[in-house]
N, C-alpha and C. Protein backbone atom coordinates (compact mmCIF):
# COMPACT_ATOMS: atom_id res chain seq x y z
N MET A 1 144.33 52.78 -10.56
CA MET A 1 145.44 53.35 -10.96
C MET A 1 146.83 52.11 -10.44
N PRO A 2 147.50 52.12 -10.85
CA PRO A 2 148.30 51.18 -10.58
C PRO A 2 149.27 51.69 -9.09
N PHE A 3 149.87 51.69 -8.30
CA PHE A 3 151.03 52.94 -7.68
C PHE A 3 152.05 51.77 -7.03
N VAL A 4 153.67 52.23 -7.10
CA VAL A 4 153.99 51.33 -6.62
C VAL A 4 154.51 51.19 -5.11
N LYS A 5 154.86 50.31 -4.39
CA LYS A 5 154.85 49.92 -3.14
C LYS A 5 155.76 51.19 -2.64
N ARG A 6 155.21 51.23 -1.66
CA ARG A 6 156.36 52.21 -0.71
C ARG A 6 157.81 52.29 -0.34
N GLU A 7 158.81 52.81 -0.43
CA GLU A 7 160.34 52.14 -0.61
C GLU A 7 160.48 53.26 0.51
N VAL A 8 162.13 52.47 1.15
CA VAL A 8 162.11 53.21 2.60
C VAL A 8 162.83 54.15 1.79
N ALA A 9 162.30 55.62 2.72
CA ALA A 9 163.01 56.56 2.11
C ALA A 9 164.12 57.30 2.80
N ALA A 10 164.92 58.03 2.31
CA ALA A 10 166.09 58.66 3.29
C ALA A 10 165.98 59.92 3.76
N PRO A 11 166.44 60.39 4.88
CA PRO A 11 165.94 61.40 5.72
C PRO A 11 165.53 62.39 4.69
N ALA A 12 164.65 63.91 5.27
CA ALA A 12 164.47 64.26 4.77
C ALA A 12 164.87 65.38 3.94
N SER A 13 166.17 65.56 4.52
CA SER A 13 166.88 66.64 4.64
C SER A 13 168.49 66.48 3.58
N THR A 14 168.44 64.85 3.11
CA THR A 14 168.78 64.71 2.10
C THR A 14 168.87 64.57 0.91
N GLY A 15 167.58 65.03 0.60
CA GLY A 15 167.45 64.86 -0.89
C GLY A 15 167.28 63.68 -2.13
N ARG A 16 167.29 62.43 -1.39
CA ARG A 16 167.44 61.34 -1.75
C ARG A 16 166.12 60.53 -2.16
N ARG A 17 166.46 59.62 -3.48
CA ARG A 17 165.10 59.28 -3.61
C ARG A 17 165.14 57.72 -2.91
N SER A 18 165.77 57.34 -2.58
CA SER A 18 165.87 55.64 -1.47
C SER A 18 167.58 55.68 -1.28
N VAL A 19 167.64 54.65 -0.28
CA VAL A 19 168.55 54.08 0.10
C VAL A 19 169.72 53.30 -1.36
N ASP A 20 168.29 53.21 -2.38
CA ASP A 20 169.18 52.11 -3.22
C ASP A 20 169.30 52.94 -4.48
N ASP A 21 168.63 54.39 -4.26
CA ASP A 21 168.82 54.55 -5.69
C ASP A 21 168.79 56.37 -5.20
N PRO A 22 170.31 56.81 -4.84
CA PRO A 22 170.64 58.51 -4.35
C PRO A 22 170.71 59.27 -5.62
N ALA A 23 170.33 60.40 -4.99
CA ALA A 23 170.04 61.85 -6.03
C ALA A 23 170.39 62.83 -5.47
N PRO A 24 171.58 63.19 -5.45
CA PRO A 24 172.41 64.91 -5.10
C PRO A 24 171.28 65.71 -5.16
N ASN A 25 171.59 66.64 -3.88
CA ASN A 25 170.46 67.72 -4.43
C ASN A 25 171.07 68.62 -5.59
N ALA A 26 171.65 68.74 -5.71
CA ALA A 26 172.38 69.49 -7.10
C ALA A 26 171.77 68.84 -8.49
N ASP A 27 171.60 67.44 -8.33
CA ASP A 27 170.81 66.82 -9.31
C ASP A 27 169.32 66.90 -9.27
N LEU A 28 168.70 68.01 -8.70
CA LEU A 28 167.50 67.87 -8.77
C LEU A 28 166.66 69.10 -9.21
N ALA A 29 167.48 69.91 -9.52
CA ALA A 29 167.06 70.53 -10.25
C ALA A 29 166.43 70.47 -11.88
N PRO A 30 167.27 69.88 -12.35
CA PRO A 30 166.71 69.90 -13.75
C PRO A 30 165.51 68.70 -14.14
N GLN A 31 165.14 68.35 -13.11
CA GLN A 31 164.61 67.61 -12.94
C GLN A 31 163.08 68.15 -12.53
N ILE A 32 163.31 69.17 -11.70
CA ILE A 32 161.92 69.42 -11.21
C ILE A 32 161.60 70.76 -12.47
N ALA A 33 162.50 71.15 -13.01
CA ALA A 33 162.59 71.82 -14.02
C ALA A 33 161.56 71.32 -15.52
N ALA A 34 162.14 69.81 -15.58
CA ALA A 34 161.28 69.34 -16.25
C ALA A 34 159.84 68.86 -15.92
N LEU A 35 159.28 68.89 -14.60
CA LEU A 35 158.07 69.06 -14.47
C LEU A 35 157.01 70.08 -15.27
N GLY A 36 157.40 71.00 -15.63
CA GLY A 36 157.48 72.17 -16.47
C GLY A 36 157.22 72.20 -18.18
N SER A 37 158.00 70.84 -18.38
CA SER A 37 158.25 70.99 -19.73
C SER A 37 156.80 70.88 -20.53
N PRO A 38 156.36 71.09 -21.79
CA PRO A 38 155.21 71.21 -22.75
C PRO A 38 155.17 69.37 -23.05
N ASP A 39 156.25 68.66 -23.08
CA ASP A 39 156.16 67.31 -23.08
C ASP A 39 156.23 66.06 -22.54
N ILE A 40 155.04 65.86 -22.43
CA ILE A 40 154.15 64.80 -21.41
C ILE A 40 155.12 63.74 -21.29
N GLU A 41 156.09 63.23 -22.33
CA GLU A 41 157.00 62.32 -21.65
C GLU A 41 158.01 63.11 -20.38
N VAL A 42 158.41 64.10 -20.66
CA VAL A 42 159.02 64.41 -20.30
C VAL A 42 158.91 64.99 -19.03
N ARG A 43 158.16 65.14 -18.68
CA ARG A 43 157.28 65.58 -17.65
C ARG A 43 156.87 64.54 -16.84
N TRP A 44 156.40 63.02 -17.53
CA TRP A 44 156.38 61.75 -16.52
C TRP A 44 157.54 60.92 -15.93
N SER A 45 158.21 61.36 -16.84
CA SER A 45 159.62 60.96 -16.67
C SER A 45 160.25 61.44 -15.61
N ALA A 46 160.49 63.22 -15.27
CA ALA A 46 160.87 63.79 -14.08
C ALA A 46 159.66 63.37 -12.87
N ALA A 47 158.55 63.38 -13.11
CA ALA A 47 158.01 62.93 -12.04
C ALA A 47 158.48 61.60 -11.63
N ARG A 48 158.42 60.65 -12.08
CA ARG A 48 159.20 59.08 -11.76
C ARG A 48 160.56 59.41 -11.49
N ALA A 49 161.57 60.25 -11.77
CA ALA A 49 162.64 60.45 -11.69
C ALA A 49 162.97 61.17 -9.98
N LEU A 50 161.67 61.92 -9.45
CA LEU A 50 161.47 62.51 -8.33
C LEU A 50 160.62 61.71 -7.24
N GLY A 51 159.99 60.61 -7.62
CA GLY A 51 160.17 59.63 -6.54
C GLY A 51 161.09 59.58 -5.32
N GLY A 52 160.20 59.66 -3.92
CA GLY A 52 160.82 59.45 -2.90
C GLY A 52 161.94 60.73 -2.53
N CYS A 53 162.24 61.86 -3.51
CA CYS A 53 162.89 62.98 -3.03
C CYS A 53 162.39 64.09 -1.93
N ALA A 54 162.68 63.88 -0.89
CA ALA A 54 161.73 65.08 -0.19
C ALA A 54 161.89 66.33 -0.63
N ASP A 55 162.99 66.76 -0.92
CA ASP A 55 163.16 67.89 -1.27
C ASP A 55 162.52 68.46 -2.52
N ALA A 56 161.80 67.01 -3.30
CA ALA A 56 161.32 68.04 -4.06
C ALA A 56 159.91 68.09 -3.85
N VAL A 57 159.03 67.95 -2.83
CA VAL A 57 157.83 67.66 -2.60
C VAL A 57 157.17 69.06 -2.90
N PRO A 58 157.57 70.12 -2.56
CA PRO A 58 156.86 71.49 -2.73
C PRO A 58 156.76 71.57 -4.31
N ALA A 59 157.91 71.08 -5.16
CA ALA A 59 157.38 71.41 -6.58
C ALA A 59 156.52 69.78 -7.05
N LEU A 60 156.77 68.92 -6.68
CA LEU A 60 155.64 68.12 -7.09
C LEU A 60 154.23 68.31 -6.94
N ALA A 61 154.04 69.41 -5.41
CA ALA A 61 153.03 69.63 -4.99
C ALA A 61 152.12 70.77 -6.18
N THR A 62 153.28 71.65 -6.26
CA THR A 62 153.01 72.58 -7.33
C THR A 62 152.43 71.93 -8.91
N ALA A 63 153.61 71.07 -9.12
CA ALA A 63 153.11 70.28 -10.35
C ALA A 63 151.48 69.81 -10.69
N LEU A 64 151.52 69.26 -9.28
CA LEU A 64 150.16 68.06 -9.52
C LEU A 64 148.76 69.11 -9.78
N GLY A 65 149.17 70.67 -8.90
CA GLY A 65 147.79 71.47 -9.05
C GLY A 65 147.61 71.62 -10.62
N VAL A 66 148.82 71.48 -11.51
CA VAL A 66 148.26 72.47 -12.60
C VAL A 66 148.27 71.38 -13.92
N GLU A 67 148.62 70.24 -13.70
CA GLU A 67 149.37 68.99 -14.72
C GLU A 67 147.72 68.47 -15.17
N GLN A 68 147.06 68.36 -16.55
CA GLN A 68 146.18 68.54 -17.14
C GLN A 68 146.46 66.45 -17.43
N VAL A 69 147.28 66.28 -17.59
CA VAL A 69 147.39 64.71 -18.32
C VAL A 69 147.18 63.61 -17.16
N ALA A 70 146.26 62.88 -17.17
CA ALA A 70 145.99 61.52 -16.12
C ALA A 70 147.63 61.04 -15.90
N ARG A 71 148.13 60.30 -16.89
CA ARG A 71 149.22 59.64 -16.40
C ARG A 71 150.53 60.58 -15.91
N VAL A 72 150.75 61.74 -16.16
CA VAL A 72 151.73 62.13 -15.45
C VAL A 72 151.13 62.53 -13.82
N ARG A 73 149.89 62.89 -13.78
CA ARG A 73 149.28 63.38 -12.52
C ARG A 73 149.52 61.59 -11.25
N GLU A 74 149.07 60.71 -12.38
CA GLU A 74 149.60 59.72 -11.37
C GLU A 74 151.23 59.49 -11.08
N ALA A 75 151.32 59.75 -11.84
CA ALA A 75 153.18 59.47 -11.84
C ALA A 75 153.75 61.18 -10.44
N ILE A 76 153.17 61.64 -10.72
CA ILE A 76 153.38 62.72 -9.51
C ILE A 76 152.87 62.30 -8.01
N MET A 77 151.61 61.89 -8.03
CA MET A 77 150.81 61.26 -7.11
C MET A 77 152.22 60.15 -6.67
N THR A 78 152.28 59.33 -7.07
CA THR A 78 153.19 58.35 -6.66
C THR A 78 154.50 58.61 -6.31
N ALA A 79 154.97 59.74 -6.72
CA ALA A 79 156.47 60.04 -6.32
C ALA A 79 155.78 60.56 -5.23
N LEU A 80 154.71 61.30 -4.79
CA LEU A 80 154.82 61.80 -3.77
C LEU A 80 154.68 60.42 -2.63
N MET A 81 153.87 59.61 -2.68
CA MET A 81 153.23 58.65 -2.19
C MET A 81 154.67 57.72 -1.58
N ARG A 82 156.10 58.17 -2.51
CA ARG A 82 157.39 57.55 -1.90
C ARG A 82 157.48 57.68 -1.47
N VAL A 83 157.32 58.98 -0.74
CA VAL A 83 158.46 60.29 -0.05
C VAL A 83 157.86 59.79 1.20
N GLY A 84 156.27 59.85 1.40
CA GLY A 84 155.70 59.46 2.43
C GLY A 84 155.85 60.37 3.50
N ASP A 85 155.72 61.35 3.39
CA ASP A 85 156.18 62.24 5.12
C ASP A 85 154.96 63.21 4.82
N GLU A 86 154.99 64.01 6.26
CA GLU A 86 154.06 64.82 6.19
C GLU A 86 153.30 66.06 5.18
N ALA A 87 154.29 66.71 4.04
CA ALA A 87 154.42 67.17 3.12
C ALA A 87 153.30 66.48 2.82
N SER A 88 154.03 65.09 2.02
CA SER A 88 153.51 64.44 0.80
C SER A 88 151.99 64.49 1.21
N VAL A 89 151.88 63.95 2.76
CA VAL A 89 150.11 64.00 2.06
C VAL A 89 149.14 65.08 2.15
N MET A 90 150.13 65.92 2.90
CA MET A 90 149.31 67.65 2.63
C MET A 90 149.52 68.06 1.07
N ALA A 91 149.89 67.34 0.66
CA ALA A 91 149.91 67.94 -0.92
C ALA A 91 149.05 66.65 -1.53
N LEU A 92 148.79 65.68 -0.88
CA LEU A 92 147.81 64.55 -1.58
C LEU A 92 145.96 64.56 -0.91
N LEU A 93 146.18 65.68 0.24
CA LEU A 93 144.84 65.90 0.58
C LEU A 93 143.94 66.34 0.12
N PRO A 94 143.93 67.46 -0.94
CA PRO A 94 143.01 68.53 -1.64
C PRO A 94 142.03 67.41 -2.13
N TYR A 95 142.89 66.37 -3.13
CA TYR A 95 142.26 65.78 -4.20
C TYR A 95 141.25 64.79 -3.70
N LEU A 96 141.02 64.77 -2.39
CA LEU A 96 140.03 64.00 -1.95
C LEU A 96 138.53 65.00 -1.57
N ARG A 97 138.66 66.15 -2.07
CA ARG A 97 137.32 66.89 -2.72
C ARG A 97 137.58 67.48 -3.90
N SER A 98 138.02 66.32 -4.67
CA SER A 98 138.06 66.60 -6.24
C SER A 98 136.44 65.90 -6.72
N GLN A 99 136.40 66.87 -7.91
CA GLN A 99 134.97 66.62 -8.44
C GLN A 99 135.18 65.28 -9.28
N ASP A 100 136.47 65.38 -9.66
CA ASP A 100 137.08 64.22 -10.63
C ASP A 100 137.38 63.02 -9.71
N ALA A 101 136.45 61.72 -10.13
CA ALA A 101 136.36 60.74 -9.15
C ALA A 101 137.63 59.59 -9.65
N ALA A 102 138.20 59.73 -10.41
CA ALA A 102 139.51 59.13 -10.75
C ALA A 102 140.44 59.81 -10.08
N GLU A 103 140.54 61.33 -9.97
CA GLU A 103 141.19 61.99 -9.29
C GLU A 103 140.98 61.42 -7.36
N ARG A 104 140.02 61.61 -7.44
CA ARG A 104 139.71 61.26 -6.23
C ARG A 104 140.06 60.04 -5.67
N GLY A 105 139.79 59.10 -6.30
CA GLY A 105 140.75 57.70 -6.11
C GLY A 105 141.92 57.51 -6.18
N ALA A 106 142.89 58.40 -7.01
CA ALA A 106 143.91 57.97 -6.91
C ALA A 106 144.52 58.64 -5.35
N SER A 107 144.31 59.76 -5.11
CA SER A 107 144.50 60.26 -3.90
C SER A 107 144.46 59.25 -2.87
N ILE A 108 143.14 58.64 -2.97
CA ILE A 108 142.74 57.16 -1.57
C ILE A 108 144.18 56.35 -1.74
N GLU A 109 143.67 55.95 -2.71
CA GLU A 109 145.40 54.75 -3.26
C GLU A 109 146.42 55.01 -2.54
N ALA A 110 146.59 56.42 -3.05
CA ALA A 110 148.29 57.23 -2.47
C ALA A 110 148.02 56.76 -0.91
N LEU A 111 147.03 57.68 -0.22
CA LEU A 111 146.95 58.07 1.02
C LEU A 111 146.94 56.81 1.69
N GLN A 112 146.25 55.62 1.49
CA GLN A 112 145.97 54.87 1.85
C GLN A 112 147.29 53.90 2.04
N ALA A 113 148.40 54.18 1.38
CA ALA A 113 150.02 52.99 1.40
C ALA A 113 151.10 54.02 2.24
N LEU A 114 149.86 55.28 2.92
CA LEU A 114 151.06 55.70 4.04
C LEU A 114 150.13 55.63 5.05
N PRO A 115 149.60 54.84 6.05
CA PRO A 115 148.81 54.59 7.28
C PRO A 115 149.52 55.30 8.24
N GLU A 116 150.73 55.31 8.81
CA GLU A 116 151.21 55.96 9.77
C GLU A 116 151.49 57.81 9.35
N ALA A 117 151.62 58.02 8.30
CA ALA A 117 152.13 59.09 7.99
C ALA A 117 150.49 59.96 8.03
N ILE A 118 149.36 59.64 7.23
CA ILE A 118 148.11 60.20 7.66
C ILE A 118 147.09 60.10 8.94
N LEU A 119 147.78 59.03 9.90
CA LEU A 119 147.51 59.31 11.20
C LEU A 119 147.01 60.40 11.75
N PRO A 120 147.77 61.74 12.11
CA PRO A 120 147.48 62.52 12.34
C PRO A 120 146.49 63.42 11.95
N PHE A 121 146.18 62.94 11.01
CA PHE A 121 145.24 64.03 9.77
C PHE A 121 143.78 63.39 10.09
N MET A 122 143.70 62.05 10.47
CA MET A 122 142.36 61.21 10.48
C MET A 122 141.14 62.09 11.23
N ALA A 123 141.83 62.31 13.19
CA ALA A 123 140.49 63.19 13.23
C ALA A 123 139.71 64.30 12.56
N PRO A 124 140.60 65.10 12.23
CA PRO A 124 139.83 66.02 11.46
C PRO A 124 139.00 65.65 10.10
N LEU A 125 139.76 64.48 9.04
CA LEU A 125 139.18 64.31 7.82
C LEU A 125 137.89 63.56 8.71
N LEU A 126 137.58 62.80 9.58
CA LEU A 126 136.34 61.92 9.89
C LEU A 126 135.75 63.27 10.60
N ALA A 127 136.25 64.63 11.00
CA ALA A 127 134.85 65.50 11.30
C ALA A 127 134.74 66.36 10.44
N ASP A 128 135.15 66.48 9.21
CA ASP A 128 134.93 67.36 8.34
C ASP A 128 133.22 67.57 8.36
N GLY A 129 133.21 68.60 7.81
CA GLY A 129 131.78 69.05 7.27
C GLY A 129 131.48 68.78 6.30
N ASP A 130 132.19 68.21 5.21
CA ASP A 130 131.58 67.63 4.12
C ASP A 130 131.30 65.79 3.86
N SER A 131 129.94 65.47 4.04
CA SER A 131 130.18 63.93 4.51
C SER A 131 130.44 63.43 3.42
N ASP A 132 131.15 63.72 2.02
CA ASP A 132 132.00 63.04 1.04
C ASP A 132 133.18 62.65 1.66
N VAL A 133 133.37 63.26 2.23
CA VAL A 133 135.19 63.81 3.13
C VAL A 133 134.98 62.80 3.91
N ARG A 134 134.33 62.36 4.70
CA ARG A 134 134.50 62.00 5.95
C ARG A 134 134.32 60.26 5.35
N LEU A 135 133.40 60.18 4.46
CA LEU A 135 133.07 58.78 3.64
C LEU A 135 134.27 58.29 3.14
N LEU A 136 135.27 59.08 2.43
CA LEU A 136 136.15 58.82 1.63
C LEU A 136 137.46 58.24 2.63
N ALA A 137 137.56 59.20 4.10
CA ALA A 137 138.41 59.09 5.06
C ALA A 137 138.16 57.77 5.46
N THR A 138 137.02 56.75 5.88
CA THR A 138 136.92 55.82 6.18
C THR A 138 138.07 55.08 5.55
N GLU A 139 137.47 54.89 4.41
CA GLU A 139 138.57 54.45 3.42
C GLU A 139 140.04 54.29 3.56
N LEU A 140 140.82 55.45 4.21
CA LEU A 140 142.26 55.66 4.69
C LEU A 140 142.05 54.40 5.89
N ALA A 141 141.05 54.40 7.32
CA ALA A 141 141.75 53.71 7.74
C ALA A 141 141.39 52.45 7.74
N ARG A 142 141.34 51.63 6.56
CA ARG A 142 141.04 50.17 5.62
C ARG A 142 142.89 49.14 6.10
N ASN A 143 143.84 50.40 5.60
CA ASN A 143 145.12 50.01 5.61
C ASN A 143 145.54 50.20 7.28
N MET A 144 145.55 50.71 8.24
CA MET A 144 145.96 50.86 9.48
C MET A 144 145.52 49.43 10.35
N PRO A 145 146.85 49.54 11.31
CA PRO A 145 146.52 48.66 12.12
C PRO A 145 145.28 49.24 13.16
N ALA A 146 145.00 48.23 13.43
CA ALA A 146 143.00 47.70 14.18
C ALA A 146 143.18 48.68 15.33
N GLU A 147 144.62 48.29 15.79
CA GLU A 147 144.43 49.51 17.40
C GLU A 147 144.27 50.91 16.89
N ASN A 148 144.78 51.19 15.76
CA ASN A 148 144.35 53.06 15.28
C ASN A 148 142.92 52.81 14.74
N ALA A 149 142.91 52.17 13.73
CA ALA A 149 141.62 52.41 13.28
C ALA A 149 140.09 51.91 13.99
N THR A 150 140.43 50.80 14.72
CA THR A 150 138.96 50.92 15.80
C THR A 150 138.28 52.43 16.06
N PRO A 151 139.61 52.76 16.93
CA PRO A 151 139.01 54.04 18.06
C PRO A 151 138.87 55.37 17.27
N LEU A 152 139.40 55.29 15.94
CA LEU A 152 138.71 56.24 15.14
C LEU A 152 137.35 56.16 14.56
N LEU A 153 137.63 55.10 13.95
CA LEU A 153 136.19 54.98 13.76
C LEU A 153 134.69 54.70 14.73
N CYS A 154 134.83 54.45 15.95
CA CYS A 154 134.18 54.01 17.21
C CYS A 154 133.42 55.77 16.88
N ARG A 155 134.78 56.78 17.38
CA ARG A 155 134.57 57.74 17.74
C ARG A 155 133.51 58.41 16.91
N LEU A 156 133.82 58.15 15.52
CA LEU A 156 133.11 58.54 14.31
C LEU A 156 131.64 58.26 14.24
N LEU A 157 131.13 56.85 14.41
CA LEU A 157 130.07 56.39 14.75
C LEU A 157 129.30 56.74 15.82
N GLU A 158 129.76 57.31 16.85
CA GLU A 158 129.22 58.19 17.84
C GLU A 158 128.39 59.09 17.69
N TYR A 159 128.71 60.22 16.81
CA TYR A 159 128.35 61.33 16.13
C TYR A 159 127.68 61.49 15.39
N GLU A 160 128.06 60.17 14.63
CA GLU A 160 128.13 60.45 12.62
C GLU A 160 126.45 60.51 12.54
N GLN A 161 125.57 61.42 11.54
CA GLN A 161 123.99 61.22 11.48
C GLN A 161 124.08 61.34 9.57
N HIS A 162 125.07 60.58 9.03
CA HIS A 162 124.59 60.61 8.00
C HIS A 162 124.66 59.13 7.99
N PRO A 163 123.70 58.26 7.21
CA PRO A 163 123.83 56.82 7.45
C PRO A 163 124.84 56.37 6.36
N ASN A 164 125.21 57.18 5.21
CA ASN A 164 125.95 56.07 4.03
C ASN A 164 127.51 56.36 5.07
N VAL A 165 127.74 57.54 5.76
CA VAL A 165 128.92 57.29 6.44
C VAL A 165 129.51 56.20 7.17
N CYS A 166 128.76 56.17 8.11
CA CYS A 166 127.83 55.17 8.84
C CYS A 166 127.99 53.83 8.53
N ALA A 167 127.84 53.31 7.17
CA ALA A 167 127.87 52.02 6.71
C ALA A 167 129.19 52.14 5.85
N ALA A 168 129.65 53.05 5.63
CA ALA A 168 131.22 52.93 5.18
C ALA A 168 132.04 53.08 6.62
N ALA A 169 131.87 53.08 7.46
CA ALA A 169 132.81 53.06 8.39
C ALA A 169 132.30 51.42 9.23
N ILE A 170 131.26 51.31 9.15
CA ILE A 170 130.91 49.82 9.68
C ILE A 170 131.74 49.17 8.64
N ASP A 171 131.29 49.32 7.45
CA ASP A 171 132.19 48.35 6.98
C ASP A 171 133.43 47.99 6.80
N VAL A 172 134.38 49.13 6.97
CA VAL A 172 135.68 49.03 7.19
C VAL A 172 135.95 48.59 8.77
N LEU A 173 135.36 48.70 9.88
CA LEU A 173 135.23 47.97 10.98
C LEU A 173 135.43 46.39 10.50
N ALA A 174 134.28 45.73 9.77
CA ALA A 174 133.98 44.62 9.80
C ALA A 174 135.38 44.11 9.13
N GLU A 175 136.59 44.90 8.53
CA GLU A 175 137.36 44.15 8.25
C GLU A 175 138.46 44.17 8.97
N VAL A 176 138.56 45.40 9.66
CA VAL A 176 140.21 45.60 10.26
C VAL A 176 140.21 45.79 12.01
N GLY A 177 138.31 45.55 12.46
CA GLY A 177 137.83 46.08 14.10
C GLY A 177 138.35 44.98 15.11
N THR A 178 138.34 45.43 15.83
CA THR A 178 138.46 44.59 17.39
C THR A 178 137.24 44.68 17.95
N ARG A 179 137.28 43.33 19.19
CA ARG A 179 136.21 43.97 19.33
C ARG A 179 135.44 44.80 20.75
N ASP A 180 136.53 46.00 20.28
CA ASP A 180 136.33 46.89 21.26
C ASP A 180 135.03 47.91 20.59
N ALA A 181 135.11 47.51 19.29
CA ALA A 181 134.43 48.18 18.12
C ALA A 181 132.52 48.00 18.61
N VAL A 182 132.47 46.12 19.46
CA VAL A 182 131.10 46.11 19.39
C VAL A 182 130.05 47.05 19.84
N PRO A 183 130.35 47.70 21.34
CA PRO A 183 129.30 48.85 21.85
C PRO A 183 129.45 49.98 20.55
N ALA A 184 130.29 50.65 20.16
CA ALA A 184 129.94 51.36 19.32
C ALA A 184 128.78 51.02 18.12
N LEU A 185 129.07 49.69 17.61
CA LEU A 185 128.37 49.15 16.81
C LEU A 185 127.01 49.09 16.89
N GLN A 186 126.78 48.20 17.95
CA GLN A 186 125.27 48.14 18.86
C GLN A 186 124.26 49.53 18.92
N ALA A 187 125.48 50.21 19.30
CA ALA A 187 124.83 51.86 19.62
C ALA A 187 124.35 52.30 18.44
N CYS A 188 125.20 52.40 17.29
CA CYS A 188 125.05 52.85 15.92
C CYS A 188 123.63 52.13 15.59
N ALA A 189 123.45 50.68 15.49
CA ALA A 189 122.38 50.09 15.35
C ALA A 189 120.87 50.37 15.61
N GLU A 190 121.11 50.89 17.14
CA GLU A 190 119.90 51.28 17.53
C GLU A 190 119.51 52.88 17.27
N ARG A 191 120.44 53.61 17.25
CA ARG A 191 120.26 54.78 16.49
C ARG A 191 119.62 55.02 15.09
N PHE A 192 120.21 54.03 14.62
CA PHE A 192 119.76 54.04 13.31
C PHE A 192 118.48 52.61 12.99
N ALA A 193 117.49 52.45 13.66
CA ALA A 193 116.76 50.89 13.69
C ALA A 193 115.84 51.60 12.50
N GLY A 194 115.71 52.55 12.42
CA GLY A 194 114.76 52.94 11.04
C GLY A 194 115.38 53.15 9.40
N THR A 195 116.52 52.66 9.79
CA THR A 195 117.24 52.56 8.46
C THR A 195 117.88 51.11 8.34
N PRO A 196 116.90 50.23 7.55
CA PRO A 196 116.97 48.68 8.41
C PRO A 196 118.20 48.43 7.39
N PHE A 197 119.06 48.42 6.25
CA PHE A 197 120.49 48.52 5.94
C PHE A 197 121.16 48.64 6.71
N LEU A 198 121.47 49.28 7.80
CA LEU A 198 122.77 49.53 8.87
C LEU A 198 122.43 48.53 10.14
N PRO A 199 121.30 48.35 10.42
CA PRO A 199 121.48 47.22 11.78
C PRO A 199 121.76 45.83 11.01
N PHE A 200 121.35 45.77 9.69
CA PHE A 200 121.79 44.59 9.06
C PHE A 200 123.42 44.25 9.30
N ALA A 201 123.93 45.61 8.36
CA ALA A 201 125.41 45.82 8.26
C ALA A 201 126.01 45.56 9.53
N VAL A 202 125.25 46.24 10.32
CA VAL A 202 125.93 45.84 11.85
C VAL A 202 126.21 44.64 12.45
N SER A 203 124.96 43.79 12.42
CA SER A 203 124.81 42.46 13.01
C SER A 203 126.13 41.57 12.17
N ILE A 204 126.39 42.07 10.41
CA ILE A 204 127.29 41.13 9.63
C ILE A 204 129.02 41.64 10.13
N ALA A 205 128.85 42.82 10.83
CA ALA A 205 130.16 43.50 11.35
C ALA A 205 130.88 42.68 12.58
N ILE A 206 129.58 42.55 13.45
CA ILE A 206 129.88 42.20 14.81
C ILE A 206 130.19 40.70 14.57
N ALA A 207 129.60 39.86 13.96
CA ALA A 207 129.77 38.50 13.33
C ALA A 207 130.96 38.18 13.21
N ARG A 208 131.53 39.04 12.25
CA ARG A 208 133.29 38.81 11.53
C ARG A 208 133.88 39.45 12.52
N ILE A 209 133.87 40.44 13.34
CA ILE A 209 134.72 40.56 14.23
C ILE A 209 135.06 39.14 15.60
N SER A 210 133.68 38.81 15.42
CA SER A 210 133.84 37.79 16.75
C SER A 210 134.25 36.56 16.36
N ASP A 211 134.25 36.68 14.98
CA ASP A 211 135.14 35.48 14.51
C ASP A 211 136.48 35.23 14.27
N THR A 212 137.27 36.42 14.80
CA THR A 212 138.41 36.57 14.58
C THR A 212 139.03 36.61 15.97
N ASP A 213 140.63 37.08 16.18
CA ASP A 213 141.21 36.54 17.06
C ASP A 213 141.59 38.19 17.36
N ARG A 214 141.17 39.44 16.76
CA ARG A 214 141.34 40.47 16.87
C ARG A 214 141.01 41.58 18.34
């Protein structure tokens, strides 16, 4: 699903959407109320209007929890992404556990656009008891700076027992990892020597990393 690029948001206390499109706090109430309208178009327009409004995050999070129309859900997630603060991340994270593949994908896209805001949540996500959540969390590192993504994913490889999660981490490291990842990659290949696709994936990742200046 398409997402707009994150815009520079005003401070959380102002209740403004962005420096280019101010919306005074007094004007938020009608838009927040419209999130509960029976009219799909009204809800969709309200979500778009609240994009980047930090003061609207609680209302957006509540609306996202009950909204059944995919188009409106996408607009709400985009609005939260445009705020891009800790509260927005916390509102989006539960959908990594959704049984709906489209919903999971939408939350990943939104969270990937917020590499700084998601960083404090990465260690717990990569240590989550659900291997599916750990696997999806590796994708959140893909848009992070190499100096952040590399240690996070290397620590994961040190203890991860699920080969598919390791494979996902290796794939991301092949794209964004630094040479510091090589020892962890080699150790992973040795640990999973009996799982042929992993040592092969590691060899490709190390070759790609070695060909870069990272």
